[in-house]
């Protein structure tokens, strides 16, 4: 799981998490680079050392933290397991705005859990981007609509979410991990999709010759869809397509991430 997908998972579950939630490089990178911030310590844990898993309060005895199991007695806990973390949404919004080169940014939420990332210049139009944690239920949609009702109307709007893409009139949605990647080494957030394309804004006709990779990518992607080997997420499928392209055309230059994802979305009907 990528660091960005791990962050989506944490934001979507809507609460605090311990290091047990994601014992991988992505989780550690999110903590190291400030996408997750410490938010207290655990007060209870689930004991899975005995035959009947149970909740137990964390206690401090004989100079160490731990908990009591009826069957096994006192079980110590490493100090590193006690910290809990929550997403630092303001920092995420700041990184998104910087990566997208946004104007008209806002450093606090518009209302509730809805944040304005800012206005990004697309090919032939300006796209206003917002962030809302999840867009899965009618309650999510109402909360988002209420917040956007406080904003000046924009012709092209794109809402970034951690989970869910409930259709709403007058705006498009994209998952955070389909729009960006977080480098686990540097913490840099990189945009991997065109907000203008995602929002459906008009595009300039650049002229010139067609993409050198289009005639190769289209049948490759379509074939994967037909034979059922395509995976669901655009990011994950782009990685598979890139690997397949290298194997099939070892002497050709590799298409860019954005080009591969554009052709994937086109073959999937623009989803």
Protein backbone atom coordinates (compact mmCIF):
# COMPACT_ATOMS: atom_id res chain seq x y z
CA UNK A 1 0.00 0.00 0.00
CA UNK A 2 1.36 3.43 -0.95
CA UNK A 3 1.81 6.18 1.65
CA UNK A 4 -1.01 8.17 0.01
CA UNK A 5 -3.39 5.19 0.06
CA UNK A 6 -2.50 4.57 3.70
CA UNK A 7 -3.27 8.21 4.49
CA UNK A 8 -6.64 7.84 2.71
CA UNK A 9 -7.42 4.79 4.83
CA UNK A 10 -6.58 6.64 8.06
CA UNK A 11 -8.58 9.76 7.12
CA UNK A 12 -11.57 7.65 6.04
CA UNK A 13 -11.80 5.74 9.32
CA UNK A 14 -12.32 9.08 11.06
CA UNK A 15 -10.44 8.67 14.31
CA UNK A 16 -7.10 8.26 15.98
CA UNK A 17 -4.84 5.34 15.10
CA UNK A 18 -1.89 3.63 16.75
CA UNK A 19 1.22 2.30 15.06
CA UNK A 20 -0.51 -1.11 14.94
CA UNK A 21 -2.87 0.36 12.33
CA UNK A 22 -0.16 0.44 9.70
CA UNK A 23 3.09 -1.30 10.52
CA UNK A 24 4.74 -0.43 7.20
CA UNK A 25 7.03 2.10 5.51
CA UNK A 26 4.08 4.22 4.37
CA UNK A 27 2.77 4.75 7.90
CA UNK A 28 6.24 5.55 9.24
CA UNK A 29 6.80 8.04 6.41
CA UNK A 30 3.50 9.80 7.13
CA UNK A 31 4.55 10.24 10.76
CA UNK A 32 8.10 11.26 9.87
CA UNK A 33 7.02 13.92 7.38
CA UNK A 34 4.18 15.35 9.47
CA UNK A 35 1.11 14.08 7.60
CA UNK A 36 0.19 12.35 10.86
CA UNK A 37 0.65 14.07 14.22
CA UNK A 38 0.76 12.63 17.72
CA UNK A 39 -2.62 12.92 19.41
CA UNK A 40 -2.14 11.35 22.84
CA UNK A 41 -1.57 7.81 24.05
CA UNK A 42 -3.55 4.60 24.10
CA UNK A 43 -5.76 4.03 27.12
CA UNK A 44 -6.66 0.46 26.19
CA UNK A 45 -5.51 -2.30 23.88
CA UNK A 46 -6.90 -5.52 22.50
CA UNK A 47 -5.12 -8.58 23.88
CA UNK A 48 -4.60 -11.17 21.17
CA UNK A 49 -2.07 -13.24 23.08
CA UNK A 50 -4.65 -15.56 24.66
CA UNK A 51 -7.37 -17.80 23.22
CA UNK A 52 -10.14 -15.23 23.76
CA UNK A 53 -9.14 -11.75 22.50
CA UNK A 54 -10.37 -9.00 24.83
CA UNK A 55 -9.97 -5.32 25.58
CA UNK A 56 -7.78 -4.32 28.51
CA UNK A 57 -6.84 -0.92 30.01
CA UNK A 58 -3.22 0.18 29.75
CA UNK A 59 -1.54 0.43 33.16
CA UNK A 60 1.88 1.53 34.42
CA UNK A 61 3.51 -0.82 36.89
CA UNK A 62 7.08 -1.64 37.92
CA UNK A 63 8.50 1.05 35.64
CA UNK A 64 6.79 -0.19 32.50
CA UNK A 65 3.52 0.07 30.60
CA UNK A 66 1.39 -2.96 29.96
CA UNK A 67 -1.97 -4.58 30.57
CA UNK A 68 -3.42 -7.52 32.45
CA UNK A 69 -4.73 -10.65 30.77
CA UNK A 70 -6.83 -12.99 32.97
CA UNK A 71 -5.00 -15.98 31.53
CA UNK A 72 -1.45 -14.67 31.10
CA UNK A 73 -1.14 -11.99 33.78
CA UNK A 74 0.76 -8.74 33.20
CA UNK A 75 1.96 -8.27 29.63
CA UNK A 76 4.37 -5.38 28.95
CA UNK A 77 3.91 -2.96 26.05
CA UNK A 78 6.70 -1.22 24.17
CA UNK A 79 6.51 2.55 24.60
CA UNK A 80 6.40 3.01 20.82
CA UNK A 81 3.08 1.14 20.68
CA UNK A 82 1.38 3.59 23.03
CA UNK A 83 1.39 6.69 20.81
CA UNK A 84 -1.73 7.47 18.79
CA UNK A 85 -1.85 9.65 15.70
CA UNK A 86 -4.40 11.62 13.71
CA UNK A 87 -4.16 13.15 10.21
CA UNK A 88 -2.87 16.71 10.08
CA UNK A 89 -5.46 18.00 7.61
CA UNK A 90 -4.22 21.64 7.54
CA UNK A 91 -0.74 20.40 6.58
CA UNK A 92 -2.23 18.15 3.90
CA UNK A 93 -4.22 21.08 2.45
CA UNK A 94 -1.07 23.22 2.45
CA UNK A 95 0.90 20.53 0.58
CA UNK A 96 -1.92 20.08 -1.94
CA UNK A 97 -2.17 23.81 -2.59
CA UNK A 98 1.60 24.08 -3.08
CA UNK A 99 1.81 21.07 -5.39
CA UNK A 100 -1.09 22.35 -7.51
CA UNK A 101 0.15 25.96 -7.57
CA UNK A 102 -3.19 27.16 -6.21
CA UNK A 103 -4.33 30.74 -5.73
CA UNK A 104 -7.21 31.81 -3.45
CA UNK A 105 -6.11 29.37 -0.76
CA UNK A 106 -7.75 29.17 2.64
CA UNK A 107 -5.83 28.05 5.74
CA UNK A 108 -8.92 27.08 7.76
CA UNK A 109 -11.90 24.95 6.83
CA UNK A 110 -14.73 26.50 4.84
CA UNK A 111 -17.23 24.88 7.18
CA UNK A 112 -17.09 21.67 9.18
CA UNK A 113 -14.79 19.19 7.47
CA UNK A 114 -14.76 20.89 4.06
CA UNK A 115 -11.56 22.70 3.08
CA UNK A 116 -10.78 24.93 0.13
CA UNK A 117 -7.47 23.91 -1.44
CA UNK A 118 -7.55 26.78 -3.91
CA UNK A 119 -7.82 27.65 -7.59
CA UNK A 120 -5.54 25.76 -9.99
CA UNK A 121 -4.99 26.87 -13.55
CA UNK A 122 -5.83 24.03 -15.92
CA UNK A 123 -5.23 23.92 -19.66
CA UNK A 124 -7.96 26.40 -20.66
CA UNK A 125 -9.86 27.09 -17.44
CA UNK A 126 -9.46 27.60 -13.70
CA UNK A 127 -10.50 24.70 -11.46
CA UNK A 128 -11.45 25.34 -7.82
CA UNK A 129 -10.40 22.42 -5.63
CA UNK A 130 -11.87 21.39 -2.29
CA UNK A 131 -11.17 18.60 0.19
CA UNK A 132 -13.84 16.65 2.08
CA UNK A 133 -12.79 13.48 3.98
CA UNK A 134 -15.46 11.08 2.67
CA UNK A 135 -18.24 11.27 0.12
CA UNK A 136 -20.11 8.00 0.60
CA UNK A 137 -23.43 8.86 2.23
CA UNK A 138 -26.24 11.38 1.92
CA UNK A 139 -25.00 12.98 5.15
CA UNK A 140 -21.57 13.46 3.56
CA UNK A 141 -23.20 15.03 0.50
CA UNK A 142 -25.35 17.38 2.58
CA UNK A 143 -22.37 18.52 4.68
CA UNK A 144 -20.33 19.20 1.55
CA UNK A 145 -23.21 21.00 -0.20
CA UNK A 146 -23.78 23.17 2.88
CA UNK A 147 -20.11 24.17 2.96
CA UNK A 148 -19.92 24.88 -0.77
CA UNK A 149 -23.04 27.02 -0.49
CA UNK A 150 -20.90 29.47 1.51
CA UNK A 151 -18.39 29.79 -1.35
CA UNK A 152 -18.49 31.86 -4.51
CA UNK A 153 -19.76 29.74 -7.38
CA UNK A 154 -17.04 28.34 -9.67
CA UNK A 155 -17.75 26.91 -13.09
CA UNK A 156 -15.27 24.06 -12.64
CA UNK A 157 -15.00 22.40 -9.25
CA UNK A 158 -13.14 19.29 -8.13
CA UNK A 159 -13.55 17.72 -4.69
CA UNK A 160 -10.71 15.57 -3.35
CA UNK A 161 -11.75 12.82 -0.92
CA UNK A 162 -10.11 10.02 1.01
CA UNK A 163 -12.95 7.64 0.25
CA UNK A 164 -16.13 7.63 -1.82
CA UNK A 165 -17.27 9.46 -4.93
CA UNK A 166 -21.02 9.92 -4.51
CA UNK A 167 -22.24 11.74 -7.65
CA UNK A 168 -23.20 15.37 -7.05
CA UNK A 169 -24.48 17.92 -9.56
CA UNK A 170 -22.04 20.59 -10.66
CA UNK A 171 -18.82 19.08 -9.37
CA UNK A 172 -16.41 16.21 -9.98
CA UNK A 173 -14.64 14.10 -7.38
CA UNK A 174 -11.31 12.27 -7.16
CA UNK A 175 -9.63 10.19 -4.49
CA UNK A 176 -6.51 11.71 -2.99
CA UNK A 177 -4.39 8.73 -4.06
CA UNK A 178 -5.61 9.02 -7.66
CA UNK A 179 -4.55 12.68 -7.73
CA UNK A 180 -1.27 12.62 -5.82
CA UNK A 181 1.65 10.52 -4.64
CA UNK A 182 3.70 11.04 -1.47
CA UNK A 183 7.41 10.22 -1.68
CA UNK A 184 8.21 8.16 1.42
CA UNK A 185 11.84 9.31 1.38
CA UNK A 186 11.39 13.08 1.09
CA UNK A 187 7.72 13.51 2.04
CA UNK A 188 7.15 15.50 -1.14
CA UNK A 189 3.61 15.42 -2.52
CA UNK A 190 3.45 15.10 -6.31
CA UNK A 191 0.42 15.64 -8.56
CA UNK A 192 -0.07 12.65 -10.91
CA UNK A 193 -3.35 13.60 -12.64
CA UNK A 194 -4.63 16.71 -14.41
CA UNK A 195 -7.27 18.52 -12.29
CA UNK A 196 -8.69 20.09 -15.44
CA UNK A 197 -9.27 16.71 -17.08
CA UNK A 198 -10.81 15.34 -13.88
CA UNK A 199 -13.13 18.33 -13.56
CA UNK A 200 -14.15 18.08 -17.23
CA UNK A 201 -12.97 21.58 -18.10
CA UNK A 202 -12.28 22.46 -21.77
CA UNK A 203 -8.86 21.81 -23.20
CA UNK A 204 -6.80 23.74 -25.70
CA UNK A 205 -6.01 22.02 -28.97
CA UNK A 206 -2.21 21.80 -28.89
CA UNK A 207 -1.94 20.74 -32.54
CA UNK A 208 1.06 18.77 -33.68
CA UNK A 209 1.29 15.04 -33.98
CA UNK A 210 -0.61 12.62 -31.69
CA UNK A 211 0.98 10.99 -28.67
CA UNK A 212 3.74 8.59 -29.65
CA UNK A 213 2.44 6.08 -27.10
CA UNK A 214 -1.30 6.24 -27.76
CA UNK A 215 -1.44 3.50 -30.42
CA UNK A 216 0.46 1.18 -28.07
CA UNK A 217 -1.22 2.04 -24.79
CA UNK A 218 -4.84 1.89 -25.96
CA UNK A 219 -4.86 -1.79 -27.07
CA UNK A 220 -2.70 -2.80 -24.10
CA UNK A 221 -5.11 -1.23 -21.59
CA UNK A 222 -8.22 -2.41 -23.44
CA UNK A 223 -6.85 -5.95 -23.56
CA UNK A 224 -6.27 -6.00 -19.81
CA UNK A 225 -9.86 -4.86 -19.27
CA UNK A 226 -11.22 -7.54 -21.63
CA UNK A 227 -9.28 -10.43 -20.11
CA UNK A 228 -10.03 -9.37 -16.52
CA UNK A 229 -6.43 -8.71 -15.44
CA UNK A 230 -6.97 -4.96 -14.89
CA UNK A 231 -7.00 -3.92 -11.22
CA UNK A 232 -9.53 -1.48 -9.77
CA UNK A 233 -7.53 1.58 -8.68
CA UNK A 234 -6.15 3.88 -11.37
CA UNK A 235 -2.80 4.20 -9.57
CA UNK A 236 -2.41 0.46 -9.15
CA UNK A 237 -3.49 -0.27 -12.73
CA UNK A 238 -1.06 2.37 -14.04
CA UNK A 239 1.79 0.51 -12.33
CA UNK A 240 0.67 -2.78 -13.90
CA UNK A 241 0.34 -1.17 -17.35
CA UNK A 242 3.80 0.39 -17.02
CA UNK A 243 5.30 -3.04 -16.21
CA UNK A 244 3.44 -4.67 -19.11
CA UNK A 245 4.56 -1.89 -21.48
CA UNK A 246 8.23 -2.36 -20.51
CA UNK A 247 7.97 -6.10 -21.08
CA UNK A 248 6.20 -5.79 -24.43
CA UNK A 249 8.16 -2.84 -25.83
CA UNK A 250 11.63 -3.01 -24.22
CA UNK A 251 13.14 -0.66 -26.80
CA UNK A 252 10.53 2.08 -26.49
CA UNK A 253 10.59 5.00 -24.05
CA UNK A 254 8.22 4.56 -21.11
CA UNK A 255 5.09 6.78 -21.16
CA UNK A 256 4.66 9.26 -18.32
CA UNK A 257 2.44 8.40 -15.34
CA UNK A 258 -0.07 11.07 -16.32
CA UNK A 259 -0.30 9.72 -19.89
CA UNK A 260 -0.88 6.15 -18.75
CA UNK A 261 -3.58 7.23 -16.30
CA UNK A 262 -5.25 9.41 -18.93
CA UNK A 263 -5.53 6.45 -21.31
CA UNK A 264 -6.79 4.20 -18.48
CA UNK A 265 -9.55 6.69 -17.66
CA UNK A 266 -10.44 7.05 -21.33
CA UNK A 267 -10.73 3.27 -21.79
CA UNK A 268 -12.88 3.09 -18.65
CA UNK A 269 -15.26 5.70 -19.98
CA UNK A 270 -13.75 8.68 -18.16
CA UNK A 271 -14.21 7.25 -14.63
